[in-house]
Amino acid sequence: MFSDPPLTKRQLGWLFLAAGLSVGLVSLGVHIVRAGLLGPFGPIQQQVLSAAALAVALGLSLLPRGNRPA
């Protein structure tokens, strides 16, 4: 029925890893650029960094699962 192969667990892991690292680096970059204006991390920044860390952890846990469909 489908002509495209399904997304594998390894590919999904790389996507989660890339998304988590991107969000985390952007959040830290915004904080560094505006550090003089905002001061310490606020609660929203902490939540964003926590979500990014969870995405990275999920991505790393999916990488060794192999080429089985997700």
N, C-alpha and C. Protein backbone atom coordinates (compact mmCIF):
# COMPACT_ATOMS: atom_id res chain seq x y z
N MET A 1 0.82 -1.17 0.00
CA MET A 1 0.00 0.00 0.00
C MET A 1 0.88 1.26 0.00
N PHE A 2 1.93 1.31 0.84
CA PHE A 2 2.82 2.46 0.88
C PHE A 2 4.06 2.18 0.04
N SER A 3 4.44 3.15 -0.78
CA SER A 3 5.63 2.95 -1.59
C SER A 3 6.89 3.40 -0.86
N ASP A 4 6.76 4.29 0.11
CA ASP A 4 7.91 4.76 0.87
C ASP A 4 8.15 3.84 2.06
N PRO A 5 9.42 3.55 2.35
CA PRO A 5 9.70 2.74 3.55
C PRO A 5 9.39 3.54 4.81
N PRO A 6 9.02 2.87 5.88
CA PRO A 6 8.68 3.59 7.12
C PRO A 6 9.92 4.19 7.77
N LEU A 7 9.68 5.14 8.62
CA LEU A 7 10.75 5.77 9.40
C LEU A 7 11.26 4.74 10.41
N THR A 8 12.57 4.59 10.49
CA THR A 8 13.14 3.61 11.42
C THR A 8 13.38 4.27 12.78
N LYS A 9 13.59 3.43 13.78
CA LYS A 9 13.85 3.93 15.12
C LYS A 9 15.15 4.73 15.17
N ARG A 10 16.14 4.30 14.40
CA ARG A 10 17.42 5.02 14.37
C ARG A 10 17.22 6.41 13.74
N GLN A 11 16.46 6.49 12.66
CA GLN A 11 16.21 7.79 12.03
C GLN A 11 15.42 8.70 12.97
N LEU A 12 14.44 8.14 13.65
CA LEU A 12 13.66 8.93 14.60
C LEU A 12 14.55 9.41 15.75
N GLY A 13 15.48 8.57 16.18
CA GLY A 13 16.41 8.97 17.22
C GLY A 13 17.28 10.13 16.78
N TRP A 14 17.78 10.09 15.54
CA TRP A 14 18.58 11.20 15.03
C TRP A 14 17.75 12.48 14.93
N LEU A 15 16.47 12.36 14.56
CA LEU A 15 15.61 13.54 14.49
C LEU A 15 15.40 14.16 15.87
N PHE A 16 15.12 13.32 16.87
CA PHE A 16 14.96 13.83 18.24
C PHE A 16 16.25 14.44 18.75
N LEU A 17 17.36 13.81 18.47
CA LEU A 17 18.65 14.31 18.91
C LEU A 17 18.94 15.68 18.27
N ALA A 18 18.73 15.79 16.99
CA ALA A 18 18.97 17.06 16.30
C ALA A 18 18.03 18.16 16.79
N ALA A 19 16.77 17.81 16.99
CA ALA A 19 15.81 18.81 17.46
C ALA A 19 16.15 19.28 18.87
N GLY A 20 16.48 18.35 19.75
CA GLY A 20 16.82 18.72 21.13
C GLY A 20 18.06 19.58 21.20
N LEU A 21 19.09 19.20 20.44
CA LEU A 21 20.32 20.00 20.44
C LEU A 21 20.08 21.39 19.84
N SER A 22 19.29 21.45 18.79
CA SER A 22 19.00 22.75 18.16
C SER A 22 18.24 23.67 19.11
N VAL A 23 17.21 23.16 19.73
CA VAL A 23 16.42 23.98 20.65
C VAL A 23 17.27 24.41 21.85
N GLY A 24 18.06 23.50 22.38
CA GLY A 24 18.92 23.83 23.51
C GLY A 24 19.95 24.89 23.16
N LEU A 25 20.61 24.74 22.01
CA LEU A 25 21.62 25.71 21.61
C LEU A 25 21.01 27.08 21.29
N VAL A 26 19.85 27.09 20.67
CA VAL A 26 19.19 28.38 20.40
C VAL A 26 18.80 29.05 21.70
N SER A 27 18.26 28.30 22.64
CA SER A 27 17.88 28.88 23.93
C SER A 27 19.09 29.44 24.66
N LEU A 28 20.18 28.69 24.67
CA LEU A 28 21.39 29.19 25.32
C LEU A 28 21.97 30.39 24.57
N GLY A 29 21.90 30.37 23.24
CA GLY A 29 22.39 31.49 22.45
C GLY A 29 21.61 32.77 22.71
N VAL A 30 20.31 32.65 22.80
CA VAL A 30 19.47 33.82 23.10
C VAL A 30 19.80 34.35 24.49
N HIS A 31 20.04 33.45 25.41
CA HIS A 31 20.36 33.89 26.77
C HIS A 31 21.72 34.60 26.80
N ILE A 32 22.69 34.09 26.07
CA ILE A 32 24.01 34.71 26.06
C ILE A 32 23.96 36.09 25.41
N VAL A 33 23.23 36.21 24.31
CA VAL A 33 23.14 37.49 23.61
C VAL A 33 22.42 38.53 24.46
N ARG A 34 21.39 38.11 25.18
CA ARG A 34 20.61 39.05 25.98
C ARG A 34 20.89 38.93 27.48
N ALA A 35 22.04 38.42 27.86
CA ALA A 35 22.35 38.15 29.26
C ALA A 35 22.32 39.42 30.10
N GLY A 36 22.75 40.53 29.56
CA GLY A 36 22.76 41.76 30.34
C GLY A 36 21.37 42.27 30.63
N LEU A 37 20.41 41.93 29.80
CA LEU A 37 19.06 42.44 29.96
C LEU A 37 18.18 41.57 30.86
N LEU A 38 18.39 40.27 30.82
CA LEU A 38 17.46 39.36 31.49
C LEU A 38 17.96 38.80 32.81
N GLY A 39 19.25 38.71 33.01
CA GLY A 39 19.76 38.14 34.25
C GLY A 39 19.78 36.63 34.19
N PRO A 40 19.47 35.97 35.30
CA PRO A 40 19.54 34.49 35.34
C PRO A 40 18.43 33.85 34.51
N PHE A 41 18.54 32.52 34.36
CA PHE A 41 17.52 31.78 33.63
C PHE A 41 16.17 31.93 34.31
N GLY A 42 15.15 32.17 33.51
CA GLY A 42 13.79 32.23 34.03
C GLY A 42 13.14 30.86 33.96
N PRO A 43 11.92 30.76 34.47
CA PRO A 43 11.25 29.46 34.50
C PRO A 43 10.95 28.91 33.10
N ILE A 44 10.65 29.78 32.14
CA ILE A 44 10.36 29.30 30.79
C ILE A 44 11.64 28.76 30.15
N GLN A 45 12.76 29.45 30.34
CA GLN A 45 14.02 28.96 29.80
C GLN A 45 14.41 27.63 30.43
N GLN A 46 14.15 27.48 31.70
CA GLN A 46 14.45 26.21 32.36
C GLN A 46 13.59 25.09 31.78
N GLN A 47 12.32 25.38 31.51
CA GLN A 47 11.44 24.37 30.95
C GLN A 47 11.86 24.00 29.52
N VAL A 48 12.28 25.01 28.75
CA VAL A 48 12.72 24.74 27.38
C VAL A 48 13.98 23.88 27.39
N LEU A 49 14.93 24.22 28.27
CA LEU A 49 16.16 23.43 28.35
C LEU A 49 15.87 22.01 28.86
N SER A 50 14.92 21.87 29.77
CA SER A 50 14.55 20.53 30.25
C SER A 50 13.91 19.71 29.13
N ALA A 51 13.04 20.34 28.35
CA ALA A 51 12.42 19.63 27.23
C ALA A 51 13.46 19.25 26.18
N ALA A 52 14.43 20.14 25.95
CA ALA A 52 15.50 19.83 25.00
C ALA A 52 16.34 18.67 25.51
N ALA A 53 16.64 18.64 26.80
CA ALA A 53 17.41 17.55 27.38
C ALA A 53 16.65 16.22 27.28
N LEU A 54 15.34 16.27 27.49
CA LEU A 54 14.53 15.05 27.34
C LEU A 54 14.52 14.56 25.90
N ALA A 55 14.44 15.49 24.95
CA ALA A 55 14.47 15.10 23.54
C ALA A 55 15.80 14.46 23.17
N VAL A 56 16.90 15.02 23.69
CA VAL A 56 18.22 14.44 23.44
C VAL A 56 18.31 13.05 24.06
N ALA A 57 17.83 12.91 25.28
CA ALA A 57 17.86 11.59 25.94
C ALA A 57 17.01 10.57 25.18
N LEU A 58 15.85 10.98 24.72
CA LEU A 58 15.00 10.08 23.94
C LEU A 58 15.68 9.70 22.64
N GLY A 59 16.29 10.67 21.98
CA GLY A 59 17.00 10.39 20.74
C GLY A 59 18.15 9.41 20.95
N LEU A 60 18.92 9.63 22.01
CA LEU A 60 20.03 8.72 22.29
C LEU A 60 19.55 7.31 22.63
N SER A 61 18.39 7.21 23.26
CA SER A 61 17.87 5.88 23.60
C SER A 61 17.33 5.15 22.37
N LEU A 62 16.94 5.89 21.33
CA LEU A 62 16.42 5.25 20.13
C LEU A 62 17.51 4.83 19.14
N LEU A 63 18.68 5.45 19.22
CA LEU A 63 19.74 5.14 18.25
C LEU A 63 20.14 3.66 18.22
N PRO A 64 20.33 2.99 19.36
CA PRO A 64 20.76 1.58 19.28
C PRO A 64 19.63 0.61 18.93
N ARG A 65 18.41 1.08 18.74
CA ARG A 65 17.28 0.19 18.46
C ARG A 65 17.30 -0.39 17.07
N GLY A 66 18.14 0.13 16.19
CA GLY A 66 18.30 -0.48 14.88
C GLY A 66 17.37 0.07 13.82
N ASN A 67 17.18 -0.74 12.79
CA ASN A 67 16.43 -0.32 11.61
C ASN A 67 14.99 -0.83 11.59
N ARG A 68 14.48 -1.15 12.74
CA ARG A 68 13.08 -1.57 12.79
C ARG A 68 12.18 -0.36 12.60
N PRO A 69 10.99 -0.54 12.05
CA PRO A 69 10.07 0.60 11.88
C PRO A 69 9.69 1.21 13.22
N ALA A 70 9.54 2.51 13.23
CA ALA A 70 9.22 3.23 14.46
C ALA A 70 7.76 3.09 14.82
